């Protein structure tokens, strides 16, 4: 099956999830990740509005008006799911009970700083749970386009947008490559077969190191 860019990123992010994990997904591209997990895998997806054990999107006409994710979109639940108030949901996050959080972003610095909640001057509903998830999830994966609509790199030396959290990002997956942040250093560890290291350097607004075992993603 030929995947579009969004699903390529989502598929690669799914490889960071293991059986038995508790996972929180941001809106946008991260919401595609469950589509790329084996049906046999037991994963509990958590939402800040108070669900543990979200399932697939419901069929048209089968939506439950009382059951939605943190973005307000209808969801289903899997066996063993539970409901609770948002205070408990954030308590889970702040106590480090989320194994992996997968979020979108506006900018990520080479040191792993995250800016994903606002562009000054634009109206938004609020930060949501991004600050807690960025600070407290055991592993933070960012899914985003490599450049913005103007063609400017979203991986930068220093974030110019308001920060969500400092030094929190572990892995960056874009439509060009996969980067790992280790001890505030940025390493290129994988790239898609359709790209080259030279192109990635051209499109990235900061220096990065090449990982010892640079891999090519075939899909």
C-alpha atoms as a PDB file:
ATOM      1  CA  UNK A   1       0.000   0.000   0.000  1.00  0.00           C
ATOM      2  CA  UNK A   2       1.323   3.462  -0.923  1.00  0.00           C
ATOM      3  CA  UNK A   3       1.236   5.808   2.055  1.00  0.00           C
ATOM      4  CA  UNK A   4       0.908   9.580   1.928  1.00  0.00           C
ATOM      5  CA  UNK A   5       3.321  11.740   3.944  1.00  0.00           C
ATOM      6  CA  UNK A   6       1.081  11.964   7.004  1.00  0.00           C
ATOM      7  CA  UNK A   7       0.626   8.221   7.209  1.00  0.00           C
ATOM      8  CA  UNK A   8       4.331   7.578   6.638  1.00  0.00           C
ATOM      9  CA  UNK A   9       5.044   9.666   9.720  1.00  0.00           C
ATOM     10  CA  UNK A  10       2.275   7.976  11.683  1.00  0.00           C
ATOM     11  CA  UNK A  11       3.533   4.524  10.713  1.00  0.00           C
ATOM     12  CA  UNK A  12       7.052   5.365  11.863  1.00  0.00           C
ATOM     13  CA  UNK A  13       5.708   6.736  15.159  1.00  0.00           C
ATOM     14  CA  UNK A  14       3.744   3.516  15.712  1.00  0.00           C
ATOM     15  CA  UNK A  15       7.075   1.689  15.870  1.00  0.00           C
ATOM     16  CA  UNK A  16       7.794   3.500  19.152  1.00  0.00           C
ATOM     17  CA  UNK A  17       4.809   1.825  20.837  1.00  0.00           C
ATOM     18  CA  UNK A  18       5.079  -1.550  22.559  1.00  0.00           C
ATOM     19  CA  UNK A  19       2.467  -3.952  23.886  1.00  0.00           C
ATOM     20  CA  UNK A  20       0.982  -2.922  27.223  1.00  0.00           C
ATOM     21  CA  UNK A  21       1.848   0.781  26.984  1.00  0.00           C
ATOM     22  CA  UNK A  22      -0.298   3.746  27.999  1.00  0.00           C
ATOM     23  CA  UNK A  23      -0.123   6.267  25.135  1.00  0.00           C
ATOM     24  CA  UNK A  24      -1.425   9.806  24.709  1.00  0.00           C
ATOM     25  CA  UNK A  25      -1.938  11.196  21.203  1.00  0.00           C
ATOM     26  CA  UNK A  26      -2.177  14.806  20.137  1.00  0.00           C
ATOM     27  CA  UNK A  27      -4.595  15.987  17.459  1.00  0.00           C
ATOM     28  CA  UNK A  28      -3.736  16.008  13.755  1.00  0.00           C
ATOM     29  CA  UNK A  29      -1.121  13.566  12.426  1.00  0.00           C
ATOM     30  CA  UNK A  30      -0.687  11.784  15.809  1.00  0.00           C
ATOM     31  CA  UNK A  31      -4.329  10.688  15.658  1.00  0.00           C
ATOM     32  CA  UNK A  32      -3.417   8.470  12.668  1.00  0.00           C
ATOM     33  CA  UNK A  33      -0.960   6.354  14.688  1.00  0.00           C
ATOM     34  CA  UNK A  34      -3.498   3.714  15.869  1.00  0.00           C
ATOM     35  CA  UNK A  35      -4.203   2.843  12.222  1.00  0.00           C
ATOM     36  CA  UNK A  36      -0.666   1.453  11.977  1.00  0.00           C
ATOM     37  CA  UNK A  37      -0.629  -0.753  15.068  1.00  0.00           C
ATOM     38  CA  UNK A  38      -1.161  -4.522  14.849  1.00  0.00           C
ATOM     39  CA  UNK A  39      -4.688  -5.505  15.876  1.00  0.00           C
ATOM     40  CA  UNK A  40      -3.180  -7.969  18.347  1.00  0.00           C
ATOM     41  CA  UNK A  41      -1.306  -5.249  20.243  1.00  0.00           C
ATOM     42  CA  UNK A  42      -2.758  -4.289  23.612  1.00  0.00           C
ATOM     43  CA  UNK A  43      -2.339  -0.529  23.967  1.00  0.00           C
ATOM     44  CA  UNK A  44      -4.361   1.802  26.188  1.00  0.00           C
ATOM     45  CA  UNK A  45      -4.805   5.233  24.646  1.00  0.00           C
ATOM     46  CA  UNK A  46      -5.372   7.978  27.203  1.00  0.00           C
ATOM     47  CA  UNK A  47      -7.079  11.341  26.717  1.00  0.00           C
ATOM     48  CA  UNK A  48      -6.871  14.375  29.005  1.00  0.00           C
ATOM     49  CA  UNK A  49     -10.639  14.717  29.118  1.00  0.00           C
ATOM     50  CA  UNK A  50     -10.873  11.438  31.043  1.00  0.00           C
ATOM     51  CA  UNK A  51     -10.682   8.218  28.999  1.00  0.00           C
ATOM     52  CA  UNK A  52      -8.227   5.344  29.220  1.00  0.00           C
ATOM     53  CA  UNK A  53      -8.744   2.781  26.471  1.00  0.00           C
ATOM     54  CA  UNK A  54      -9.883   4.673  23.394  1.00  0.00           C
ATOM     55  CA  UNK A  55     -10.659   2.619  20.313  1.00  0.00           C
ATOM     56  CA  UNK A  56     -11.165   3.422  16.654  1.00  0.00           C
ATOM     57  CA  UNK A  57     -13.393   6.180  15.335  1.00  0.00           C
ATOM     58  CA  UNK A  58     -17.060   5.110  15.276  1.00  0.00           C
ATOM     59  CA  UNK A  59     -18.931   4.377  12.076  1.00  0.00           C
ATOM     60  CA  UNK A  60     -21.127   7.152  10.761  1.00  0.00           C
ATOM     61  CA  UNK A  61     -24.389   7.185  12.706  1.00  0.00           C
ATOM     62  CA  UNK A  62     -22.925   5.132  15.568  1.00  0.00           C
ATOM     63  CA  UNK A  63     -21.360   8.048  17.465  1.00  0.00           C
ATOM     64  CA  UNK A  64     -22.006   8.436  21.191  1.00  0.00           C
ATOM     65  CA  UNK A  65     -22.497  12.137  21.937  1.00  0.00           C
ATOM     66  CA  UNK A  66     -21.008  11.623  25.409  1.00  0.00           C
ATOM     67  CA  UNK A  67     -17.857   9.865  24.211  1.00  0.00           C
ATOM     68  CA  UNK A  68     -15.105  11.930  22.577  1.00  0.00           C
ATOM     69  CA  UNK A  69     -11.376  12.517  22.749  1.00  0.00           C
ATOM     70  CA  UNK A  70      -9.622  15.641  24.033  1.00  0.00           C
ATOM     71  CA  UNK A  71     -10.050  17.266  20.609  1.00  0.00           C
ATOM     72  CA  UNK A  72     -13.823  16.780  20.729  1.00  0.00           C
ATOM     73  CA  UNK A  73     -13.938  14.061  18.053  1.00  0.00           C
ATOM     74  CA  UNK A  74     -16.110  10.975  18.643  1.00  0.00           C
ATOM     75  CA  UNK A  75     -14.323   7.774  19.643  1.00  0.00           C
ATOM     76  CA  UNK A  76     -15.079   4.240  20.700  1.00  0.00           C
ATOM     77  CA  UNK A  77     -13.598   2.294  23.607  1.00  0.00           C
ATOM     78  CA  UNK A  78     -11.899  -1.070  23.940  1.00  0.00           C
ATOM     79  CA  UNK A  79     -12.567  -3.795  26.544  1.00  0.00           C
ATOM     80  CA  UNK A  80     -11.158  -2.731  29.907  1.00  0.00           C
ATOM     81  CA  UNK A  81     -11.554   0.993  29.224  1.00  0.00           C
ATOM     82  CA  UNK A  82     -12.379   3.372  32.046  1.00  0.00           C
ATOM     83  CA  UNK A  83     -13.726   6.893  32.492  1.00  0.00           C
ATOM     84  CA  UNK A  84     -12.713   9.542  35.019  1.00  0.00           C
ATOM     85  CA  UNK A  85     -12.659  13.301  35.457  1.00  0.00           C
ATOM     86  CA  UNK A  86      -9.966  15.498  33.924  1.00  0.00           C
ATOM     87  CA  UNK A  87      -8.341  15.971  37.336  1.00  0.00           C
ATOM     88  CA  UNK A  88      -7.579  12.250  37.458  1.00  0.00           C
ATOM     89  CA  UNK A  89      -6.482  12.288  33.815  1.00  0.00           C
ATOM     90  CA  UNK A  90      -3.944  15.031  34.507  1.00  0.00           C
ATOM     91  CA  UNK A  91      -2.920  13.275  37.727  1.00  0.00           C
ATOM     92  CA  UNK A  92      -1.961  10.246  35.615  1.00  0.00           C
ATOM     93  CA  UNK A  93       0.110  12.439  33.322  1.00  0.00           C
ATOM     94  CA  UNK A  94       1.812  14.401  36.104  1.00  0.00           C
ATOM     95  CA  UNK A  95       2.727  11.226  37.976  1.00  0.00           C
ATOM     96  CA  UNK A  96       4.501   9.900  34.864  1.00  0.00           C
ATOM     97  CA  UNK A  97       1.995   7.133  34.122  1.00  0.00           C
ATOM     98  CA  UNK A  98       1.991   7.856  30.364  1.00  0.00           C
ATOM     99  CA  UNK A  99       4.645   5.761  28.609  1.00  0.00           C
ATOM    100  CA  UNK A 100       4.666   7.612  25.288  1.00  0.00           C
ATOM    101  CA  UNK A 101       3.135  10.888  24.200  1.00  0.00           C
ATOM    102  CA  UNK A 102       2.993  11.726  20.493  1.00  0.00           C
ATOM    103  CA  UNK A 103       2.363  15.391  19.736  1.00  0.00           C
ATOM    104  CA  UNK A 104       2.427  17.778  16.822  1.00  0.00           C
ATOM    105  CA  UNK A 105       4.569  20.911  16.948  1.00  0.00           C
ATOM    106  CA  UNK A 106       5.215  24.327  15.441  1.00  0.00           C
ATOM    107  CA  UNK A 107       8.943  24.312  16.260  1.00  0.00           C
ATOM    108  CA  UNK A 108      11.501  22.066  17.945  1.00  0.00           C
ATOM    109  CA  UNK A 109      14.988  23.260  18.824  1.00  0.00           C
ATOM    110  CA  UNK A 110      18.132  21.169  18.374  1.00  0.00           C
ATOM    111  CA  UNK A 111      18.246  20.839  22.193  1.00  0.00           C
ATOM    112  CA  UNK A 112      14.752  19.327  22.274  1.00  0.00           C
ATOM    113  CA  UNK A 113      12.779  22.406  23.334  1.00  0.00           C
ATOM    114  CA  UNK A 114       9.138  22.260  22.250  1.00  0.00           C
ATOM    115  CA  UNK A 115       6.954  25.106  20.961  1.00  0.00           C
ATOM    116  CA  UNK A 116       3.582  23.726  19.917  1.00  0.00           C
ATOM    117  CA  UNK A 117       0.760  25.735  21.375  1.00  0.00           C
ATOM    118  CA  UNK A 118       0.549  29.237  19.921  1.00  0.00           C
ATOM    119  CA  UNK A 119       1.621  31.590  17.163  1.00  0.00           C
ATOM    120  CA  UNK A 120       1.442  35.095  18.695  1.00  0.00           C
ATOM    121  CA  UNK A 121      -1.485  37.063  17.342  1.00  0.00           C
ATOM    122  CA  UNK A 122      -3.568  34.020  16.458  1.00  0.00           C
ATOM    123  CA  UNK A 123      -6.552  32.958  18.541  1.00  0.00           C
ATOM    124  CA  UNK A 124      -6.501  29.442  19.999  1.00  0.00           C
ATOM    125  CA  UNK A 125      -8.653  27.694  22.632  1.00  0.00           C
ATOM    126  CA  UNK A 126      -5.665  27.116  24.977  1.00  0.00           C
ATOM    127  CA  UNK A 127      -2.602  25.000  25.622  1.00  0.00           C
ATOM    128  CA  UNK A 128      -4.595  21.931  26.687  1.00  0.00           C
ATOM    129  CA  UNK A 129      -2.460  19.158  28.176  1.00  0.00           C
ATOM    130  CA  UNK A 130       0.647  19.807  26.077  1.00  0.00           C
ATOM    131  CA  UNK A 131       2.700  21.299  28.912  1.00  0.00           C
ATOM    132  CA  UNK A 132       2.077  18.373  31.262  1.00  0.00           C
ATOM    133  CA  UNK A 133       2.577  15.752  28.558  1.00  0.00           C
ATOM    134  CA  UNK A 134       5.795  17.364  27.354  1.00  0.00           C
ATOM    135  CA  UNK A 135       7.212  17.507  30.866  1.00  0.00           C
ATOM    136  CA  UNK A 136       6.017  14.235  32.342  1.00  0.00           C
ATOM    137  CA  UNK A 137       5.543  11.559  29.660  1.00  0.00           C
ATOM    138  CA  UNK A 138       8.292   8.940  29.822  1.00  0.00           C
ATOM    139  CA  UNK A 139       8.984   9.478  26.114  1.00  0.00           C
ATOM    140  CA  UNK A 140       7.944  12.389  23.909  1.00  0.00           C
ATOM    141  CA  UNK A 141       7.701  11.920  20.137  1.00  0.00           C
ATOM    142  CA  UNK A 142       6.972  14.875  17.847  1.00  0.00           C
ATOM    143  CA  UNK A 143       5.285  14.423  14.458  1.00  0.00           C
ATOM    144  CA  UNK A 144       5.380  17.430  12.146  1.00  0.00           C
ATOM    145  CA  UNK A 145       6.132  18.619   8.638  1.00  0.00           C
ATOM    146  CA  UNK A 146       9.805  19.477   8.223  1.00  0.00           C
ATOM    147  CA  UNK A 147       8.980  22.989   7.017  1.00  0.00           C
ATOM    148  CA  UNK A 148       6.079  25.387   7.481  1.00  0.00           C
ATOM    149  CA  UNK A 149       3.840  26.734   4.719  1.00  0.00           C
ATOM    150  CA  UNK A 150       6.434  29.382   3.881  1.00  0.00           C
ATOM    151  CA  UNK A 151       9.129  26.751   3.474  1.00  0.00           C
ATOM    152  CA  UNK A 152      10.950  27.644   6.715  1.00  0.00           C
ATOM    153  CA  UNK A 153      12.431  24.851   8.800  1.00  0.00           C
ATOM    154  CA  UNK A 154      10.485  23.849  11.899  1.00  0.00           C
ATOM    155  CA  UNK A 155      13.634  22.303  13.387  1.00  0.00           C
ATOM    156  CA  UNK A 156      15.652  25.277  14.556  1.00  0.00           C
ATOM    157  CA  UNK A 157      18.687  26.279  16.585  1.00  0.00           C
ATOM    158  CA  UNK A 158      16.495  28.140  19.084  1.00  0.00           C
ATOM    159  CA  UNK A 159      12.691  28.317  19.177  1.00  0.00           C
ATOM    160  CA  UNK A 160      11.311  31.758  18.368  1.00  0.00           C
ATOM    161  CA  UNK A 161       7.731  30.868  19.347  1.00  0.00           C
ATOM    162  CA  UNK A 162       6.543  30.651  22.970  1.00  0.00           C
ATOM    163  CA  UNK A 163       7.816  27.442  24.565  1.00  0.00           C
ATOM    164  CA  UNK A 164       5.650  24.618  25.810  1.00  0.00           C
ATOM    165  CA  UNK A 165       8.541  22.942  27.651  1.00  0.00           C
ATOM    166  CA  UNK A 166      12.343  22.920  27.537  1.00  0.00           C
ATOM    167  CA  UNK A 167      14.493  19.912  26.708  1.00  0.00           C
ATOM    168  CA  UNK A 168      11.566  17.500  26.594  1.00  0.00           C
ATOM    169  CA  UNK A 169      11.623  16.050  23.051  1.00  0.00           C
ATOM    170  CA  UNK A 170      13.169  12.602  22.568  1.00  0.00           C
ATOM    171  CA  UNK A 171      12.336  11.888  18.915  1.00  0.00           C
ATOM    172  CA  UNK A 172      11.337  14.075  15.951  1.00  0.00           C
ATOM    173  CA  UNK A 173       9.638  12.453  12.960  1.00  0.00           C
ATOM    174  CA  UNK A 174       9.088  14.622   9.889  1.00  0.00           C
ATOM    175  CA  UNK A 175       8.164  13.990   6.278  1.00  0.00           C
ATOM    176  CA  UNK A 176      11.906  13.925   5.476  1.00  0.00           C
ATOM    177  CA  UNK A 177      13.665  12.221   8.354  1.00  0.00           C
ATOM    178  CA  UNK A 178      13.837  10.977  11.935  1.00  0.00           C
ATOM    179  CA  UNK A 179      15.975  12.764  14.523  1.00  0.00           C
ATOM    180  CA  UNK A 180      16.892  11.748  18.056  1.00  0.00           C
ATOM    181  CA  UNK A 181      17.782  14.225  20.796  1.00  0.00           C
ATOM    182  CA  UNK A 182      20.499  12.911  23.126  1.00  0.00           C
ATOM    183  CA  UNK A 183      22.063  15.106  25.818  1.00  0.00           C
ATOM    184  CA  UNK A 184      20.870  18.250  23.994  1.00  0.00           C
ATOM    185  CA  UNK A 185      22.461  17.114  20.733  1.00  0.00           C
ATOM    186  CA  UNK A 186      20.461  16.438  17.574  1.00  0.00           C
ATOM    187  CA  UNK A 187      21.212  13.249  15.647  1.00  0.00           C
ATOM    188  CA  UNK A 188      19.857  12.249  12.243  1.00  0.00           C
ATOM    189  CA  UNK A 189      19.119   8.524  12.641  1.00  0.00           C
ATOM    190  CA  UNK A 190      16.821   7.728   9.700  1.00  0.00           C
ATOM    191  CA  UNK A 191      15.600   9.229   6.459  1.00  0.00           C
ATOM    192  CA  UNK A 192      13.075   8.190   3.839  1.00  0.00           C
ATOM    193  CA  UNK A 193      14.324   6.629   0.633  1.00  0.00           C
ATOM    194  CA  UNK A 194      12.930   9.617  -1.265  1.00  0.00           C
ATOM    195  CA  UNK A 195      15.277  12.057   0.523  1.00  0.00           C
ATOM    196  CA  UNK A 196      19.023  12.534   0.961  1.00  0.00           C
ATOM    197  CA  UNK A 197      21.218  13.816   3.774  1.00  0.00           C
ATOM    198  CA  UNK A 198      22.126  16.809   1.592  1.00  0.00           C
ATOM    199  CA  UNK A 199      18.457  17.749   1.127  1.00  0.00           C
ATOM    200  CA  UNK A 200      17.781  17.350   4.844  1.00  0.00           C
ATOM    201  CA  UNK A 201      20.707  19.664   5.692  1.00  0.00           C
ATOM    202  CA  UNK A 202      19.378  22.209   3.212  1.00  0.00           C
ATOM    203  CA  UNK A 203      15.906  22.128   4.780  1.00  0.00           C
ATOM    204  CA  UNK A 204      17.046  22.152   8.440  1.00  0.00           C
ATOM    205  CA  UNK A 205      17.789  25.457  10.151  1.00  0.00           C
ATOM    206  CA  UNK A 206      20.405  24.129  12.573  1.00  0.00           C
ATOM    207  CA  UNK A 207      23.371  21.806  12.679  1.00  0.00           C
ATOM    208  CA  UNK A 208      22.904  18.113  13.428  1.00  0.00           C
ATOM    209  CA  UNK A 209      25.102  15.042  13.777  1.00  0.00           C
ATOM    210  CA  UNK A 210      24.758  11.805  11.802  1.00  0.00           C
ATOM    211  CA  UNK A 211      23.901   8.758  13.889  1.00  0.00           C
ATOM    212  CA  UNK A 212      26.325   5.826  13.889  1.00  0.00           C
ATOM    213  CA  UNK A 213      23.830   3.560  12.124  1.00  0.00           C
ATOM    214  CA  UNK A 214      21.955   5.849   9.754  1.00  0.00           C
ATOM    215  CA  UNK A 215      19.009   3.922   8.319  1.00  0.00           C
ATOM    216  CA  UNK A 216      16.817   4.348   5.267  1.00  0.00           C
ATOM    217  CA  UNK A 217      13.042   4.014   5.626  1.00  0.00           C
ATOM    218  CA  UNK A 218      11.731   2.122   2.624  1.00  0.00           C
ATOM    219  CA  UNK A 219       7.974   2.799   2.912  1.00  0.00           C
END
